[in-house]
Amino acid sequence: MDGMTEEGTTEPAGLSERPQEAGGDKSAGGPPPQRFSAKRKLRAVSRLLRGEPLELLARELNVTAARLSQWRDRAVLAAAAALKERTGDDRDDEITRLKGKVGEMTMASELREKIGRLEAGAPLARRRSRR
């Protein structure tokens, strides 16, 4: 039967006969896979972004097309995040200082109000209705 192995499980026709050189294993053929430094990955991604075909580059580098696509997607996301950042300036420092001052003034005002209530014998917080 076409697509049946000796154990009786089904397998797509011709897959078991595929030699490793023709892409039957997980790598794209050639020498065994190796680790890529960040610099080499960036070079590969930049080649992709310049328009080199994904499949041809994957074969040349002996990596899967999925892995190469993943590197490209991660690089593009990192670049977008880097471009969103903005550098702080003197206004940011002044805003932070003023927010702190407003917080101090608010706290001082609330404390004076609570001290006044305690001295007058009034409850600190108003009661909520039970409904």
C-alpha atoms as a PDB file:
ATOM      1  CA  MET A   1       0.000   0.000   0.000  1.00  0.00           C
ATOM      2  CA  ASP A   2       1.225   3.504  -0.771  1.00  0.00           C
ATOM      3  CA  GLY A   3       2.168   5.417   2.389  1.00  0.00           C
ATOM      4  CA  MET A   4       2.136   2.419   4.756  1.00  0.00           C
ATOM      5  CA  THR A   5       5.203   1.367   6.752  1.00  0.00           C
ATOM      6  CA  GLU A   6       6.020  -2.109   8.056  1.00  0.00           C
ATOM      7  CA  GLU A   7       4.463  -1.264  11.451  1.00  0.00           C
ATOM      8  CA  GLY A   8       1.155  -0.416   9.813  1.00  0.00           C
ATOM      9  CA  THR A   9       1.233   3.346  10.564  1.00  0.00           C
ATOM     10  CA  THR A  10       0.502   5.766   7.809  1.00  0.00           C
ATOM     11  CA  GLU A  11       3.133   8.145   6.558  1.00  0.00           C
ATOM     12  CA  PRO A  12       3.024  10.476   3.567  1.00  0.00           C
ATOM     13  CA  ALA A  13       4.211   8.686   0.439  1.00  0.00           C
ATOM     14  CA  GLY A  14       7.923   8.903  -0.160  1.00  0.00           C
ATOM     15  CA  LEU A  15       8.837  10.595   3.156  1.00  0.00           C
ATOM     16  CA  SER A  16      10.617   7.577   4.632  1.00  0.00           C
ATOM     17  CA  GLU A  17      12.757   7.184   1.501  1.00  0.00           C
ATOM     18  CA  ARG A  18      14.000  10.782   1.548  1.00  0.00           C
ATOM     19  CA  PRO A  19      17.755  10.914   2.072  1.00  0.00           C
ATOM     20  CA  GLN A  20      19.167  13.328   4.638  1.00  0.00           C
ATOM     21  CA  GLU A  21      21.044  15.211   1.922  1.00  0.00           C
ATOM     22  CA  ALA A  22      17.708  16.087   0.294  1.00  0.00           C
ATOM     23  CA  GLY A  23      16.381  17.684   3.474  1.00  0.00           C
ATOM     24  CA  GLY A  24      15.015  14.605   5.232  1.00  0.00           C
ATOM     25  CA  ASP A  25      16.409  15.773   8.576  1.00  0.00           C
ATOM     26  CA  LYS A  26      15.668  18.972  10.496  1.00  0.00           C
ATOM     27  CA  SER A  27      18.645  20.965   9.197  1.00  0.00           C
ATOM     28  CA  ALA A  28      18.748  22.367   5.700  1.00  0.00           C
ATOM     29  CA  GLY A  29      21.565  20.010   4.652  1.00  0.00           C
ATOM     30  CA  GLY A  30      25.307  20.564   4.580  1.00  0.00           C
ATOM     31  CA  PRO A  31      27.477  20.554   7.691  1.00  0.00           C
ATOM     32  CA  PRO A  32      25.931  20.004  11.125  1.00  0.00           C
ATOM     33  CA  PRO A  33      24.132  23.020  12.623  1.00  0.00           C
ATOM     34  CA  GLN A  34      26.180  25.434  14.699  1.00  0.00           C
ATOM     35  CA  ARG A  35      25.447  28.197  17.181  1.00  0.00           C
ATOM     36  CA  PHE A  36      25.154  31.697  15.766  1.00  0.00           C
ATOM     37  CA  SER A  37      26.453  34.767  17.570  1.00  0.00           C
ATOM     38  CA  ALA A  38      24.242  37.825  17.795  1.00  0.00           C
ATOM     39  CA  LYS A  39      26.458  39.493  15.196  1.00  0.00           C
ATOM     40  CA  ARG A  40      25.988  36.640  12.697  1.00  0.00           C
ATOM     41  CA  LYS A  41      22.230  36.582  13.303  1.00  0.00           C
ATOM     42  CA  LEU A  42      22.067  40.328  12.691  1.00  0.00           C
ATOM     43  CA  ARG A  43      23.992  39.959   9.443  1.00  0.00           C
ATOM     44  CA  ALA A  44      21.576  37.221   8.316  1.00  0.00           C
ATOM     45  CA  VAL A  45      18.546  39.333   9.255  1.00  0.00           C
ATOM     46  CA  SER A  46      19.894  42.374   7.448  1.00  0.00           C
ATOM     47  CA  ARG A  47      20.395  40.243   4.326  1.00  0.00           C
ATOM     48  CA  LEU A  48      16.766  39.156   4.600  1.00  0.00           C
ATOM     49  CA  LEU A  49      15.580  42.725   5.047  1.00  0.00           C
ATOM     50  CA  ARG A  50      17.554  43.764   1.956  1.00  0.00           C
ATOM     51  CA  GLY A  51      15.486  41.297  -0.054  1.00  0.00           C
ATOM     52  CA  GLU A  52      17.445  38.048  -0.249  1.00  0.00           C
ATOM     53  CA  PRO A  53      15.143  35.020  -0.579  1.00  0.00           C
ATOM     54  CA  LEU A  54      14.401  33.345   2.754  1.00  0.00           C
ATOM     55  CA  GLU A  55      14.776  29.767   1.502  1.00  0.00           C
ATOM     56  CA  LEU A  56      18.098  30.362  -0.251  1.00  0.00           C
ATOM     57  CA  LEU A  57      19.582  32.148   2.756  1.00  0.00           C
ATOM     58  CA  ALA A  58      18.347  29.410   5.090  1.00  0.00           C
ATOM     59  CA  ARG A  59      20.067  26.766   2.952  1.00  0.00           C
ATOM     60  CA  GLU A  60      23.273  28.765   2.745  1.00  0.00           C
ATOM     61  CA  LEU A  61      23.414  29.271   6.527  1.00  0.00           C
ATOM     62  CA  ASN A  62      22.186  25.734   7.296  1.00  0.00           C
ATOM     63  CA  VAL A  63      19.263  26.870   9.455  1.00  0.00           C
ATOM     64  CA  THR A  64      15.551  26.326   9.045  1.00  0.00           C
ATOM     65  CA  ALA A  65      13.465  28.987   7.360  1.00  0.00           C
ATOM     66  CA  ALA A  66      11.335  29.139  10.510  1.00  0.00           C
ATOM     67  CA  ARG A  67      14.384  29.922  12.657  1.00  0.00           C
ATOM     68  CA  LEU A  68      15.509  32.607  10.236  1.00  0.00           C
ATOM     69  CA  SER A  69      12.017  34.123  10.202  1.00  0.00           C
ATOM     70  CA  GLN A  70      12.004  34.105  13.997  1.00  0.00           C
ATOM     71  CA  TRP A  71      15.303  36.011  14.080  1.00  0.00           C
ATOM     72  CA  ARG A  72      13.903  38.550  11.623  1.00  0.00           C
ATOM     73  CA  ASP A  73      10.678  39.045  13.597  1.00  0.00           C
ATOM     74  CA  ARG A  74      12.548  39.458  16.888  1.00  0.00           C
ATOM     75  CA  ALA A  75      14.970  41.959  15.331  1.00  0.00           C
ATOM     76  CA  VAL A  76      12.136  44.029  13.881  1.00  0.00           C
ATOM     77  CA  LEU A  77      10.317  44.077  17.252  1.00  0.00           C
ATOM     78  CA  ALA A  78      13.495  45.106  19.062  1.00  0.00           C
ATOM     79  CA  ALA A  79      14.132  47.877  16.546  1.00  0.00           C
ATOM     80  CA  ALA A  80      10.578  49.174  16.947  1.00  0.00           C
ATOM     81  CA  ALA A  81      10.936  49.179  20.740  1.00  0.00           C
ATOM     82  CA  ALA A  82      14.259  51.010  20.511  1.00  0.00           C
ATOM     83  CA  LEU A  83      12.736  53.683  18.292  1.00  0.00           C
ATOM     84  CA  LYS A  84       9.824  54.240  20.690  1.00  0.00           C
ATOM     85  CA  GLU A  85      12.145  55.190  23.542  1.00  0.00           C
ATOM     86  CA  ARG A  86      12.716  58.845  24.055  1.00  0.00           C
ATOM     87  CA  THR A  87      15.511  60.460  25.930  1.00  0.00           C
ATOM     88  CA  GLY A  88      14.744  62.342  29.099  1.00  0.00           C
ATOM     89  CA  ASP A  89      15.339  66.059  29.276  1.00  0.00           C
ATOM     90  CA  ASP A  90      15.262  68.795  31.930  1.00  0.00           C
ATOM     91  CA  ARG A  91      11.468  69.023  31.724  1.00  0.00           C
ATOM     92  CA  ASP A  92      11.117  65.405  32.891  1.00  0.00           C
ATOM     93  CA  ASP A  93      13.234  66.142  35.954  1.00  0.00           C
ATOM     94  CA  GLU A  94      11.152  69.241  36.710  1.00  0.00           C
ATOM     95  CA  ILE A  95       7.874  67.322  36.299  1.00  0.00           C
ATOM     96  CA  THR A  96       9.096  64.630  38.701  1.00  0.00           C
ATOM     97  CA  ARG A  97      10.147  67.259  41.245  1.00  0.00           C
ATOM     98  CA  LEU A  98       6.803  69.074  41.003  1.00  0.00           C
ATOM     99  CA  LYS A  99       4.790  65.846  41.338  1.00  0.00           C
ATOM    100  CA  GLY A 100       6.692  65.100  44.530  1.00  0.00           C
ATOM    101  CA  LYS A 101       5.949  68.603  45.829  1.00  0.00           C
ATOM    102  CA  VAL A 102       2.210  68.221  45.056  1.00  0.00           C
ATOM    103  CA  GLY A 103       2.222  64.879  46.902  1.00  0.00           C
ATOM    104  CA  GLU A 104       3.870  66.452  49.957  1.00  0.00           C
ATOM    105  CA  MET A 105       1.390  69.354  49.965  1.00  0.00           C
ATOM    106  CA  THR A 106      -1.586  66.995  49.607  1.00  0.00           C
ATOM    107  CA  MET A 107      -0.369  64.823  52.462  1.00  0.00           C
ATOM    108  CA  ALA A 108       0.237  67.856  54.693  1.00  0.00           C
ATOM    109  CA  SER A 109      -3.266  69.166  53.930  1.00  0.00           C
ATOM    110  CA  GLU A 110      -4.892  65.797  54.718  1.00  0.00           C
ATOM    111  CA  LEU A 111      -2.922  65.524  57.975  1.00  0.00           C
ATOM    112  CA  ARG A 112      -4.024  69.038  59.077  1.00  0.00           C
ATOM    113  CA  GLU A 113      -7.644  68.067  58.315  1.00  0.00           C
ATOM    114  CA  LYS A 114      -7.385  64.840  60.340  1.00  0.00           C
ATOM    115  CA  ILE A 115      -5.690  66.599  63.253  1.00  0.00           C
ATOM    116  CA  GLY A 116      -8.488  69.166  63.222  1.00  0.00           C
ATOM    117  CA  ARG A 117     -11.117  66.390  63.335  1.00  0.00           C
ATOM    118  CA  LEU A 118      -9.330  64.617  66.196  1.00  0.00           C
ATOM    119  CA  GLU A 119      -9.125  67.855  68.224  1.00  0.00           C
ATOM    120  CA  ALA A 120     -12.819  68.540  67.567  1.00  0.00           C
ATOM    121  CA  GLY A 121     -13.762  65.001  68.599  1.00  0.00           C
ATOM    122  CA  ALA A 122     -15.238  64.170  65.169  1.00  0.00           C
ATOM    123  CA  PRO A 123     -14.665  60.751  63.565  1.00  0.00           C
ATOM    124  CA  LEU A 124     -11.747  60.548  61.120  1.00  0.00           C
ATOM    125  CA  ALA A 125     -13.775  58.974  58.343  1.00  0.00           C
ATOM    126  CA  ARG A 126     -17.413  59.339  57.514  1.00  0.00           C
ATOM    127  CA  ARG A 127     -19.521  56.214  57.926  1.00  0.00           C
ATOM    128  CA  ARG A 128     -20.912  54.513  54.899  1.00  0.00           C
ATOM    129  CA  SER A 129     -24.503  53.473  54.847  1.00  0.00           C
ATOM    130  CA  ARG A 130     -25.079  49.722  55.095  1.00  0.00           C
ATOM    131  CA  ARG A 131     -27.279  49.640  52.008  1.00  0.00           C
END
